[in-house]
All heavy atoms as atom14 arrays in JSON, in Angstrom:
{
  "sequence": "KIRGVSKGKGGSMHLYEPKLDFYGGNAIVGAHLPHAVGAAYARKYMG",
  "atom14_mask": [
    [1, 1, 1, 1, 1, 1, 1, 1, 1, 0, 0, 0, 0, 0],
    [1, 1, 1, 1, 1, 1, 1, 1, 0, 0, 0, 0, 0, 0],
    [1, 1, 1, 1, 1, 1, 1, 1, 1, 1, 1, 0, 0, 0],
    [1, 1, 1, 1, 0, 0, 0, 0, 0, 0, 0, 0, 0, 0],
    [1, 1, 1, 1, 1, 1, 1, 0, 0, 0, 0, 0, 0, 0],
    [1, 1, 1, 1, 1, 1, 0, 0, 0, 0, 0, 0, 0, 0],
    [1, 1, 1, 1, 1, 1, 1, 1, 1, 0, 0, 0, 0, 0],
    [1, 1, 1, 1, 0, 0, 0, 0, 0, 0, 0, 0, 0, 0],
    [1, 1, 1, 1, 1, 1, 1, 1, 1, 0, 0, 0, 0, 0],
    [1, 1, 1, 1, 0, 0, 0, 0, 0, 0, 0, 0, 0, 0],
    [1, 1, 1, 1, 0, 0, 0, 0, 0, 0, 0, 0, 0, 0],
    [1, 1, 1, 1, 1, 1, 0, 0, 0, 0, 0, 0, 0, 0],
    [1, 1, 1, 1, 1, 1, 1, 1, 0, 0, 0, 0, 0, 0],
    [1, 1, 1, 1, 1, 1, 1, 1, 1, 1, 0, 0, 0, 0],
    [1, 1, 1, 1, 1, 1, 1, 1, 0, 0, 0, 0, 0, 0],
    [1, 1, 1, 1, 1, 1, 1, 1, 1, 1, 1, 1, 0, 0],
    [1, 1, 1, 1, 1, 1, 1, 1, 1, 0, 0, 0, 0, 0],
    [1, 1, 1, 1, 1, 1, 1, 0, 0, 0, 0, 0, 0, 0],
    [1, 1, 1, 1, 1, 1, 1, 1, 1, 0, 0, 0, 0, 0],
    [1, 1, 1, 1, 1, 1, 1, 1, 0, 0, 0, 0, 0, 0],
    [1, 1, 1, 1, 1, 1, 1, 1, 0, 0, 0, 0, 0, 0],
    [1, 1, 1, 1, 1, 1, 1, 1, 1, 1, 1, 0, 0, 0],
    [1, 1, 1, 1, 1, 1, 1, 1, 1, 1, 1, 1, 0, 0],
    [1, 1, 1, 1, 0, 0, 0, 0, 0, 0, 0, 0, 0, 0],
    [1, 1, 1, 1, 0, 0, 0, 0, 0, 0, 0, 0, 0, 0],
    [1, 1, 1, 1, 1, 1, 1, 1, 0, 0, 0, 0, 0, 0],
    [1, 1, 1, 1, 1, 0, 0, 0, 0, 0, 0, 0, 0, 0],
    [1, 1, 1, 1, 1, 1, 1, 1, 0, 0, 0, 0, 0, 0],
    [1, 1, 1, 1, 1, 1, 1, 0, 0, 0, 0, 0, 0, 0],
    [1, 1, 1, 1, 0, 0, 0, 0, 0, 0, 0, 0, 0, 0],
    [1, 1, 1, 1, 1, 0, 0, 0, 0, 0, 0, 0, 0, 0],
    [1, 1, 1, 1, 1, 1, 1, 1, 1, 1, 0, 0, 0, 0],
    [1, 1, 1, 1, 1, 1, 1, 1, 0, 0, 0, 0, 0, 0],
    [1, 1, 1, 1, 1, 1, 1, 0, 0, 0, 0, 0, 0, 0],
    [1, 1, 1, 1, 1, 1, 1, 1, 1, 1, 0, 0, 0, 0],
    [1, 1, 1, 1, 1, 0, 0, 0, 0, 0, 0, 0, 0, 0],
    [1, 1, 1, 1, 1, 1, 1, 0, 0, 0, 0, 0, 0, 0],
    [1, 1, 1, 1, 0, 0, 0, 0, 0, 0, 0, 0, 0, 0],
    [1, 1, 1, 1, 1, 0, 0, 0, 0, 0, 0, 0, 0, 0],
    [1, 1, 1, 1, 1, 0, 0, 0, 0, 0, 0, 0, 0, 0],
    [1, 1, 1, 1, 1, 1, 1, 1, 1, 1, 1, 1, 0, 0],
    [1, 1, 1, 1, 1, 0, 0, 0, 0, 0, 0, 0, 0, 0],
    [1, 1, 1, 1, 1, 1, 1, 1, 1, 1, 1, 0, 0, 0],
    [1, 1, 1, 1, 1, 1, 1, 1, 1, 0, 0, 0, 0, 0],
    [1, 1, 1, 1, 1, 1, 1, 1, 1, 1, 1, 1, 0, 0],
    [1, 1, 1, 1, 1, 1, 1, 1, 0, 0, 0, 0, 0, 0],
    [1, 1, 1, 1, 0, 0, 0, 0, 0, 0, 0, 0, 0, 0]
  ],
  "atom14_positions": [
    [[-5.76, -1.38, 17.56], [-6.24, -2.68, 17.96], [-5.82, -3.77, 16.99], [-5.71, -3.51, 15.79], [-7.79, -2.66, 18.11], [-8.27, -1.71, 19.21], [-9.76, -1.8, 19.31], [-10.28, -0.89, 20.43], [-9.82, -1.33, 21.76], [0.0, 0.0, 0.0], [0.0, 0.0, 0.0], [0.0, 0.0, 0.0], [0.0, 0.0, 0.0], [0.0, 0.0, 0.0]],
    [[-5.61, -5.0, 17.49], [-5.12, -6.05, 16.66], [-6.14, -6.42, 15.59], [-5.8, -6.97, 14.54], [-4.74, -7.29, 17.52], [-3.92, -8.29, 16.69], [-5.99, -7.94, 18.1], [-3.27, -9.38, 17.48], [0.0, 0.0, 0.0], [0.0, 0.0, 0.0], [0.0, 0.0, 0.0], [0.0, 0.0, 0.0], [0.0, 0.0, 0.0], [0.0, 0.0, 0.0]],
    [[-7.43, -6.19, 15.83], [-8.42, -6.49, 14.8], [-8.5, -5.45, 13.74], [-9.29, -5.54, 12.8], [-9.81, -6.67, 15.48], [-10.42, -5.46, 16.09], [-11.71, -5.79, 16.77], [-12.72, -6.21, 15.8], [-13.63, -5.4, 15.29], [-13.62, -4.1, 15.6], [-14.52, -5.8, 14.42], [0.0, 0.0, 0.0], [0.0, 0.0, 0.0], [0.0, 0.0, 0.0]],
    [[-7.67, -4.44, 13.81], [-7.62, -3.42, 12.76], [-7.11, -3.98, 11.46], [-6.5, -5.07, 11.41], [0.0, 0.0, 0.0], [0.0, 0.0, 0.0], [0.0, 0.0, 0.0], [0.0, 0.0, 0.0], [0.0, 0.0, 0.0], [0.0, 0.0, 0.0], [0.0, 0.0, 0.0], [0.0, 0.0, 0.0], [0.0, 0.0, 0.0], [0.0, 0.0, 0.0]],
    [[-7.34, -3.27, 10.37], [-7.02, -3.78, 9.03], [-5.55, -4.06, 8.86], [-5.18, -4.93, 8.1], [-7.55, -2.79, 7.97], [-6.79, -1.47, 8.01], [-7.5, -3.42, 6.59], [0.0, 0.0, 0.0], [0.0, 0.0, 0.0], [0.0, 0.0, 0.0], [0.0, 0.0, 0.0], [0.0, 0.0, 0.0], [0.0, 0.0, 0.0], [0.0, 0.0, 0.0]],
    [[-4.7, -3.33, 9.6], [-3.26, -3.64, 9.58], [-2.77, -4.14, 10.9], [-1.62, -3.95, 11.31], [-2.49, -2.35, 9.2], [-2.87, -1.88, 7.9], [0.0, 0.0, 0.0], [0.0, 0.0, 0.0], [0.0, 0.0, 0.0], [0.0, 0.0, 0.0], [0.0, 0.0, 0.0], [0.0, 0.0, 0.0], [0.0, 0.0, 0.0], [0.0, 0.0, 0.0]],
    [[-3.71, -4.82, 11.58], [-3.43, -5.44, 12.91], [-2.93, -4.47, 13.98], [-2.16, -4.83, 14.87], [-2.43, -6.61, 12.72], [-2.9, -7.67, 11.75], [-2.0, -8.88, 11.76], [-2.45, -9.9, 10.69], [-3.83, -10.35, 10.91], [0.0, 0.0, 0.0], [0.0, 0.0, 0.0], [0.0, 0.0, 0.0], [0.0, 0.0, 0.0], [0.0, 0.0, 0.0]],
    [[-3.37, -3.23, 13.83], [-3.01, -2.22, 14.83], [-1.6, -1.68, 14.7], [-1.2, -0.87, 15.53], [0.0, 0.0, 0.0], [0.0, 0.0, 0.0], [0.0, 0.0, 0.0], [0.0, 0.0, 0.0], [0.0, 0.0, 0.0], [0.0, 0.0, 0.0], [0.0, 0.0, 0.0], [0.0, 0.0, 0.0], [0.0, 0.0, 0.0], [0.0, 0.0, 0.0]],
    [[-0.87, -2.09, 13.69], [0.52, -1.66, 13.58], [0.74, -0.48, 12.65], [1.82, 0.12, 12.63], [1.36, -2.86, 13.06], [1.37, -4.06, 13.95], [2.16, -5.21, 13.35], [2.16, -6.41, 14.27], [2.94, -7.55, 13.69], [0.0, 0.0, 0.0], [0.0, 0.0, 0.0], [0.0, 0.0, 0.0], [0.0, 0.0, 0.0], [0.0, 0.0, 0.0]],
    [[-0.29, -0.13, 11.88], [-0.09, 0.93, 10.88], [-0.7, 2.25, 11.27], [-0.16, 3.31, 10.94], [0.0, 0.0, 0.0], [0.0, 0.0, 0.0], [0.0, 0.0, 0.0], [0.0, 0.0, 0.0], [0.0, 0.0, 0.0], [0.0, 0.0, 0.0], [0.0, 0.0, 0.0], [0.0, 0.0, 0.0], [0.0, 0.0, 0.0], [0.0, 0.0, 0.0]],
    [[-1.85, 2.2, 11.96], [-2.51, 3.46, 12.31], [-3.13, 4.17, 11.1], [-3.32, 3.57, 10.05], [0.0, 0.0, 0.0], [0.0, 0.0, 0.0], [0.0, 0.0, 0.0], [0.0, 0.0, 0.0], [0.0, 0.0, 0.0], [0.0, 0.0, 0.0], [0.0, 0.0, 0.0], [0.0, 0.0, 0.0], [0.0, 0.0, 0.0], [0.0, 0.0, 0.0]],
    [[-3.35, 5.44, 11.29], [-4.07, 6.24, 10.27], [-3.41, 6.23, 8.91], [-4.12, 6.21, 7.89], [-4.21, 7.7, 10.8], [-4.69, 8.55, 9.79], [0.0, 0.0, 0.0], [0.0, 0.0, 0.0], [0.0, 0.0, 0.0], [0.0, 0.0, 0.0], [0.0, 0.0, 0.0], [0.0, 0.0, 0.0], [0.0, 0.0, 0.0], [0.0, 0.0, 0.0]],
    [[-2.1, 6.24, 8.87], [-1.43, 6.42, 7.59], [-1.06, 5.15, 6.87], [-0.45, 5.19, 5.79], [-0.16, 7.28, 7.8], [-0.43, 8.69, 8.19], [1.04, 9.73, 8.29], [1.74, 9.2, 9.82], [0.0, 0.0, 0.0], [0.0, 0.0, 0.0], [0.0, 0.0, 0.0], [0.0, 0.0, 0.0], [0.0, 0.0, 0.0], [0.0, 0.0, 0.0]],
    [[-1.39, 3.99, 7.44], [-0.95, 2.75, 6.85], [-2.04, 1.72, 6.8], [-1.85, 0.55, 7.25], [0.29, 2.19, 7.59], [1.46, 3.11, 7.64], [2.26, 3.32, 6.52], [1.93, 3.93, 8.58], [3.21, 4.2, 6.83], [3.0, 4.6, 8.04], [0.0, 0.0, 0.0], [0.0, 0.0, 0.0], [0.0, 0.0, 0.0], [0.0, 0.0, 0.0]],
    [[-3.21, 2.07, 6.24], [-4.22, 1.07, 6.03], [-3.82, 0.23, 4.84], [-3.38, 0.77, 3.83], [-5.55, 1.78, 5.73], [-6.04, 2.82, 6.77], [-7.32, 3.46, 6.3], [-6.21, 2.18, 8.14], [0.0, 0.0, 0.0], [0.0, 0.0, 0.0], [0.0, 0.0, 0.0], [0.0, 0.0, 0.0], [0.0, 0.0, 0.0], [0.0, 0.0, 0.0]],
    [[-4.0, -1.09, 4.94], [-3.43, -1.97, 3.93], [-4.34, -3.2, 3.78], [-4.6, -3.87, 4.78], [-2.03, -2.39, 4.37], [-1.31, -3.39, 3.49], [-0.69, -2.96, 2.31], [-1.23, -4.74, 3.82], [-0.01, -3.88, 1.49], [-0.58, -5.63, 3.0], [0.03, -5.2, 1.84], [0.71, -6.08, 1.07], [0.0, 0.0, 0.0], [0.0, 0.0, 0.0]],
    [[-4.79, -3.47, 2.57], [-5.59, -4.64, 2.33], [-5.4, -5.14, 0.9], [-6.05, -4.67, -0.05], [-7.08, -4.37, 2.56], [-8.02, -5.52, 2.36], [-7.51, -6.79, 3.05], [-7.79, -6.93, 4.25], [-6.82, -7.59, 2.41], [0.0, 0.0, 0.0], [0.0, 0.0, 0.0], [0.0, 0.0, 0.0], [0.0, 0.0, 0.0], [0.0, 0.0, 0.0]],
    [[-4.44, -6.04, 0.73], [-4.12, -6.52, -0.65], [-5.29, -7.26, -1.31], [-5.35, -7.31, -2.55], [-2.95, -7.49, -0.41], [-2.98, -7.83, 1.04], [-3.55, -6.66, 1.72], [0.0, 0.0, 0.0], [0.0, 0.0, 0.0], [0.0, 0.0, 0.0], [0.0, 0.0, 0.0], [0.0, 0.0, 0.0], [0.0, 0.0, 0.0], [0.0, 0.0, 0.0]],
    [[-6.26, -7.77, -0.53], [-7.42, -8.44, -1.12], [-8.26, -7.43, -1.91], [-9.0, -7.82, -2.82], [-8.26, -9.09, -0.03], [-7.59, -10.28, 0.62], [-8.48, -10.85, 1.71], [-7.79, -12.01, 2.43], [-8.66, -12.57, 3.51], [0.0, 0.0, 0.0], [0.0, 0.0, 0.0], [0.0, 0.0, 0.0], [0.0, 0.0, 0.0], [0.0, 0.0, 0.0]],
    [[-8.13, -6.17, -1.56], [-8.87, -5.12, -2.27], [-7.93, -4.36, -3.24], [-8.34, -3.32, -3.8], [-9.46, -4.11, -1.27], [-10.52, -4.66, -0.31], [-10.86, -3.63, 0.72], [-11.76, -5.13, -1.08], [0.0, 0.0, 0.0], [0.0, 0.0, 0.0], [0.0, 0.0, 0.0], [0.0, 0.0, 0.0], [0.0, 0.0, 0.0], [0.0, 0.0, 0.0]],
    [[-6.73, -4.88, -3.46], [-5.71, -4.18, -4.25], [-5.44, -2.79, -3.72], [-5.22, -1.82, -4.46], [-6.14, -4.09, -5.75], [-6.17, -5.47, -6.41], [-5.4, -6.33, -5.97], [-6.97, -5.66, -7.34], [0.0, 0.0, 0.0], [0.0, 0.0, 0.0], [0.0, 0.0, 0.0], [0.0, 0.0, 0.0], [0.0, 0.0, 0.0], [0.0, 0.0, 0.0]],
    [[-5.5, -2.68, -2.4], [-5.33, -1.39, -1.69], [-4.05, -1.42, -0.94], [-3.93, -2.11, 0.09], [-6.53, -1.17, -0.74], [-6.55, 0.23, -0.16], [-7.29, 1.26, -0.77], [-5.88, 0.55, 1.01], [-7.35, 2.5, -0.25], [-5.94, 1.82, 1.55], [-6.68, 2.8, 0.93], [0.0, 0.0, 0.0], [0.0, 0.0, 0.0], [0.0, 0.0, 0.0]],
    [[-3.05, -0.69, -1.42], [-1.69, -0.8, -0.87], [-1.35, 0.39, 0.03], [-0.17, 0.64, 0.28], [-0.67, -1.02, -1.98], [-0.91, -2.33, -2.65], [-1.62, -2.4, -3.86], [-0.6, -3.52, -2.05], [-1.94, -3.62, -4.46], [-0.87, -4.75, -2.62], [-1.55, -4.8, -3.83], [-1.85, -6.0, -4.4], [0.0, 0.0, 0.0], [0.0, 0.0, 0.0]],
    [[-2.37, 1.08, 0.45], [-2.25, 1.97, 1.59], [-1.44, 3.2, 1.43], [-0.91, 3.53, 0.37], [0.0, 0.0, 0.0], [0.0, 0.0, 0.0], [0.0, 0.0, 0.0], [0.0, 0.0, 0.0], [0.0, 0.0, 0.0], [0.0, 0.0, 0.0], [0.0, 0.0, 0.0], [0.0, 0.0, 0.0], [0.0, 0.0, 0.0], [0.0, 0.0, 0.0]],
    [[-1.37, 3.94, 2.54], [-0.69, 5.21, 2.54], [0.79, 5.08, 2.88], [1.29, 4.01, 3.15], [0.0, 0.0, 0.0], [0.0, 0.0, 0.0], [0.0, 0.0, 0.0], [0.0, 0.0, 0.0], [0.0, 0.0, 0.0], [0.0, 0.0, 0.0], [0.0, 0.0, 0.0], [0.0, 0.0, 0.0], [0.0, 0.0, 0.0], [0.0, 0.0, 0.0]],
    [[1.43, 6.2, 2.83], [2.88, 6.29, 3.15], [3.09, 7.55, 3.92], [2.68, 8.62, 3.55], [3.69, 6.27, 1.84], [5.15, 5.96, 2.12], [5.78, 6.53, 2.95], [5.67, 4.98, 1.35], [0.0, 0.0, 0.0], [0.0, 0.0, 0.0], [0.0, 0.0, 0.0], [0.0, 0.0, 0.0], [0.0, 0.0, 0.0], [0.0, 0.0, 0.0]],
    [[3.78, 7.41, 5.05], [3.97, 8.57, 5.95], [4.98, 9.58, 5.38], [5.02, 10.71, 5.85], [4.45, 8.11, 7.31], [0.0, 0.0, 0.0], [0.0, 0.0, 0.0], [0.0, 0.0, 0.0], [0.0, 0.0, 0.0], [0.0, 0.0, 0.0], [0.0, 0.0, 0.0], [0.0, 0.0, 0.0], [0.0, 0.0, 0.0], [0.0, 0.0, 0.0]],
    [[5.76, 9.16, 4.4], [6.71, 10.07, 3.78], [6.08, 10.67, 2.54], [5.65, 9.96, 1.65], [8.02, 9.33, 3.35], [8.62, 8.58, 4.55], [9.03, 10.33, 2.81], [8.94, 9.44, 5.75], [0.0, 0.0, 0.0], [0.0, 0.0, 0.0], [0.0, 0.0, 0.0], [0.0, 0.0, 0.0], [0.0, 0.0, 0.0], [0.0, 0.0, 0.0]],
    [[6.0, 12.0, 2.5], [5.29, 12.68, 1.44], [5.85, 12.28, 0.05], [7.04, 12.48, -0.21], [5.38, 14.21, 1.59], [4.69, 14.91, 0.4], [4.68, 14.6, 2.87], [0.0, 0.0, 0.0], [0.0, 0.0, 0.0], [0.0, 0.0, 0.0], [0.0, 0.0, 0.0], [0.0, 0.0, 0.0], [0.0, 0.0, 0.0], [0.0, 0.0, 0.0]],
    [[5.01, 11.7, -0.78], [5.39, 11.34, -2.14], [6.18, 10.06, -2.27], [6.48, 9.65, -3.4], [0.0, 0.0, 0.0], [0.0, 0.0, 0.0], [0.0, 0.0, 0.0], [0.0, 0.0, 0.0], [0.0, 0.0, 0.0], [0.0, 0.0, 0.0], [0.0, 0.0, 0.0], [0.0, 0.0, 0.0], [0.0, 0.0, 0.0], [0.0, 0.0, 0.0]],
    [[6.45, 9.4, -1.17], [7.3, 8.18, -1.24], [6.6, 7.01, -1.91], [7.26, 6.07, -2.34], [7.77, 7.77, 0.18], [0.0, 0.0, 0.0], [0.0, 0.0, 0.0], [0.0, 0.0, 0.0], [0.0, 0.0, 0.0], [0.0, 0.0, 0.0], [0.0, 0.0, 0.0], [0.0, 0.0, 0.0], [0.0, 0.0, 0.0], [0.0, 0.0, 0.0]],
    [[5.27, 7.08, -1.99], [4.55, 5.96, -2.61], [4.54, 6.05, -4.13], [4.18, 5.09, -4.83], [3.1, 5.96, -2.1], [2.32, 7.17, -2.43], [2.66, 8.43, -1.96], [1.16, 7.33, -3.15], [1.77, 9.3, -2.4], [0.88, 8.7, -3.13], [0.0, 0.0, 0.0], [0.0, 0.0, 0.0], [0.0, 0.0, 0.0], [0.0, 0.0, 0.0]],
    [[4.97, 7.19, -4.7], [4.89, 7.35, -6.15], [5.86, 6.41, -6.88], [5.48, 5.81, -7.87], [5.13, 8.82, -6.52], [4.09, 9.77, -5.95], [4.39, 11.23, -6.39], [2.68, 9.37, -6.41], [0.0, 0.0, 0.0], [0.0, 0.0, 0.0], [0.0, 0.0, 0.0], [0.0, 0.0, 0.0], [0.0, 0.0, 0.0], [0.0, 0.0, 0.0]],
    [[7.11, 6.29, -6.43], [7.96, 5.29, -7.1], [7.45, 3.87, -6.94], [7.59, 3.04, -7.87], [9.31, 5.46, -6.35], [9.28, 6.82, -5.8], [7.87, 7.08, -5.42], [0.0, 0.0, 0.0], [0.0, 0.0, 0.0], [0.0, 0.0, 0.0], [0.0, 0.0, 0.0], [0.0, 0.0, 0.0], [0.0, 0.0, 0.0], [0.0, 0.0, 0.0]],
    [[6.8, 3.6, -5.8], [6.2, 2.24, -5.64], [5.12, 2.0, -6.7], [5.03, 0.9, -7.24], [5.57, 2.16, -4.24], [6.53, 2.36, -3.11], [6.12, 2.58, -1.8], [7.89, 2.38, -3.09], [7.16, 2.74, -1.04], [8.26, 2.63, -1.78], [0.0, 0.0, 0.0], [0.0, 0.0, 0.0], [0.0, 0.0, 0.0], [0.0, 0.0, 0.0]],
    [[4.33, 3.07, -6.91], [3.24, 2.92, -7.9], [3.81, 2.69, -9.31], [3.26, 1.87, -10.04], [2.39, 4.18, -7.87], [0.0, 0.0, 0.0], [0.0, 0.0, 0.0], [0.0, 0.0, 0.0], [0.0, 0.0, 0.0], [0.0, 0.0, 0.0], [0.0, 0.0, 0.0], [0.0, 0.0, 0.0], [0.0, 0.0, 0.0], [0.0, 0.0, 0.0]],
    [[4.84, 3.38, -9.64], [5.47, 3.2, -10.97], [6.02, 1.81, -11.1], [5.9, 1.14, -12.13], [6.56, 4.28, -11.23], [7.27, 3.98, -12.51], [5.94, 5.65, -11.27], [0.0, 0.0, 0.0], [0.0, 0.0, 0.0], [0.0, 0.0, 0.0], [0.0, 0.0, 0.0], [0.0, 0.0, 0.0], [0.0, 0.0, 0.0], [0.0, 0.0, 0.0]],
    [[6.69, 1.33, -10.01], [7.2, -0.03, -10.02], [6.1, -1.07, -10.2], [6.22, -2.04, -10.95], [0.0, 0.0, 0.0], [0.0, 0.0, 0.0], [0.0, 0.0, 0.0], [0.0, 0.0, 0.0], [0.0, 0.0, 0.0], [0.0, 0.0, 0.0], [0.0, 0.0, 0.0], [0.0, 0.0, 0.0], [0.0, 0.0, 0.0], [0.0, 0.0, 0.0]],
    [[4.98, -0.84, -9.51], [3.84, -1.77, -9.63], [3.28, -1.75, -11.04], [2.91, -2.79, -11.62], [2.8, -1.42, -8.59], [0.0, 0.0, 0.0], [0.0, 0.0, 0.0], [0.0, 0.0, 0.0], [0.0, 0.0, 0.0], [0.0, 0.0, 0.0], [0.0, 0.0, 0.0], [0.0, 0.0, 0.0], [0.0, 0.0, 0.0], [0.0, 0.0, 0.0]],
    [[3.21, -0.54, -11.65], [2.74, -0.44, -13.01], [3.67, -1.17, -13.96], [3.19, -1.82, -14.92], [2.58, 1.04, -13.39], [0.0, 0.0, 0.0], [0.0, 0.0, 0.0], [0.0, 0.0, 0.0], [0.0, 0.0, 0.0], [0.0, 0.0, 0.0], [0.0, 0.0, 0.0], [0.0, 0.0, 0.0], [0.0, 0.0, 0.0], [0.0, 0.0, 0.0]],
    [[4.93, -1.06, -13.73], [5.89, -1.79, -14.59], [5.69, -3.28, -14.48], [5.71, -4.0, -15.48], [7.32, -1.38, -14.17], [8.4, -2.02, -15.03], [8.84, -1.37, -16.16], [8.94, -3.25, -14.7], [9.82, -1.94, -16.96], [9.93, -3.83, -15.47], [10.36, -3.17, -16.64], [11.33, -3.75, -17.42], [0.0, 0.0, 0.0], [0.0, 0.0, 0.0]],
    [[5.45, -3.73, -13.24], [5.22, -5.17, -13.01], [3.94, -5.63, -13.73], [3.92, -6.69, -14.35], [5.14, -5.47, -11.51], [0.0, 0.0, 0.0], [0.0, 0.0, 0.0], [0.0, 0.0, 0.0], [0.0, 0.0, 0.0], [0.0, 0.0, 0.0], [0.0, 0.0, 0.0], [0.0, 0.0, 0.0], [0.0, 0.0, 0.0], [0.0, 0.0, 0.0]],
    [[2.9, -4.84, -13.62], [1.65, -5.21, -14.27], [1.82, -5.27, -15.76], [1.27, -6.14, -16.45], [0.55, -4.16, -13.89], [0.13, -4.19, -12.42], [-0.44, -5.51, -12.01], [-1.04, -5.47, -10.68], [-1.48, -6.55, -10.03], [-1.38, -7.72, -10.58], [-2.01, -6.42, -8.83], [0.0, 0.0, 0.0], [0.0, 0.0, 0.0], [0.0, 0.0, 0.0]],
    [[2.55, -4.31, -16.32], [2.79, -4.31, -17.75], [3.61, -5.55, -18.14], [3.3, -6.19, -19.18], [3.51, -3.04, -18.14], [3.82, -2.93, -19.65], [4.47, -1.62, -20.0], [4.76, -1.54, -21.49], [5.35, -0.23, -21.88], [0.0, 0.0, 0.0], [0.0, 0.0, 0.0], [0.0, 0.0, 0.0], [0.0, 0.0, 0.0], [0.0, 0.0, 0.0]],
    [[4.6, -5.86, -17.36], [5.45, -7.01, -17.61], [4.62, -8.31, -17.63], [4.88, -9.21, -18.44], [6.53, -7.1, -16.55], [7.57, -8.19, -16.78], [8.6, -8.05, -17.67], [7.45, -9.42, -16.06], [9.54, -9.06, -17.86], [8.38, -10.44, -16.26], [9.41, -10.24, -17.14], [10.33, -11.24, -17.36], [0.0, 0.0, 0.0], [0.0, 0.0, 0.0]],
    [[3.63, -8.38, -16.77], [2.76, -9.58, -16.69], [1.63, -9.55, -17.71], [0.82, -10.47, -17.73], [2.18, -9.69, -15.27], [3.25, -9.99, -14.22], [2.53, -10.33, -12.57], [1.99, -8.71, -12.11], [0.0, 0.0, 0.0], [0.0, 0.0, 0.0], [0.0, 0.0, 0.0], [0.0, 0.0, 0.0], [0.0, 0.0, 0.0], [0.0, 0.0, 0.0]],
    [[1.59, -8.49, -18.52], [0.57, -8.41, -19.58], [-0.81, -7.99, -19.09], [-1.8, -8.2, -19.79], [0.0, 0.0, 0.0], [0.0, 0.0, 0.0], [0.0, 0.0, 0.0], [0.0, 0.0, 0.0], [0.0, 0.0, 0.0], [0.0, 0.0, 0.0], [0.0, 0.0, 0.0], [0.0, 0.0, 0.0], [0.0, 0.0, 0.0], [0.0, 0.0, 0.0]]
  ]
}
């Protein structure tokens, strides 16, 4: 449904809410781990 947290486009595996710092799931096993490392690098860069 369009009122879903990802406007109905993500389904079970792609819940996404940046206001909660929640960057959701990834349908590819382990594919979110490089994203997490990149985000950590960015956070470190920003102090």
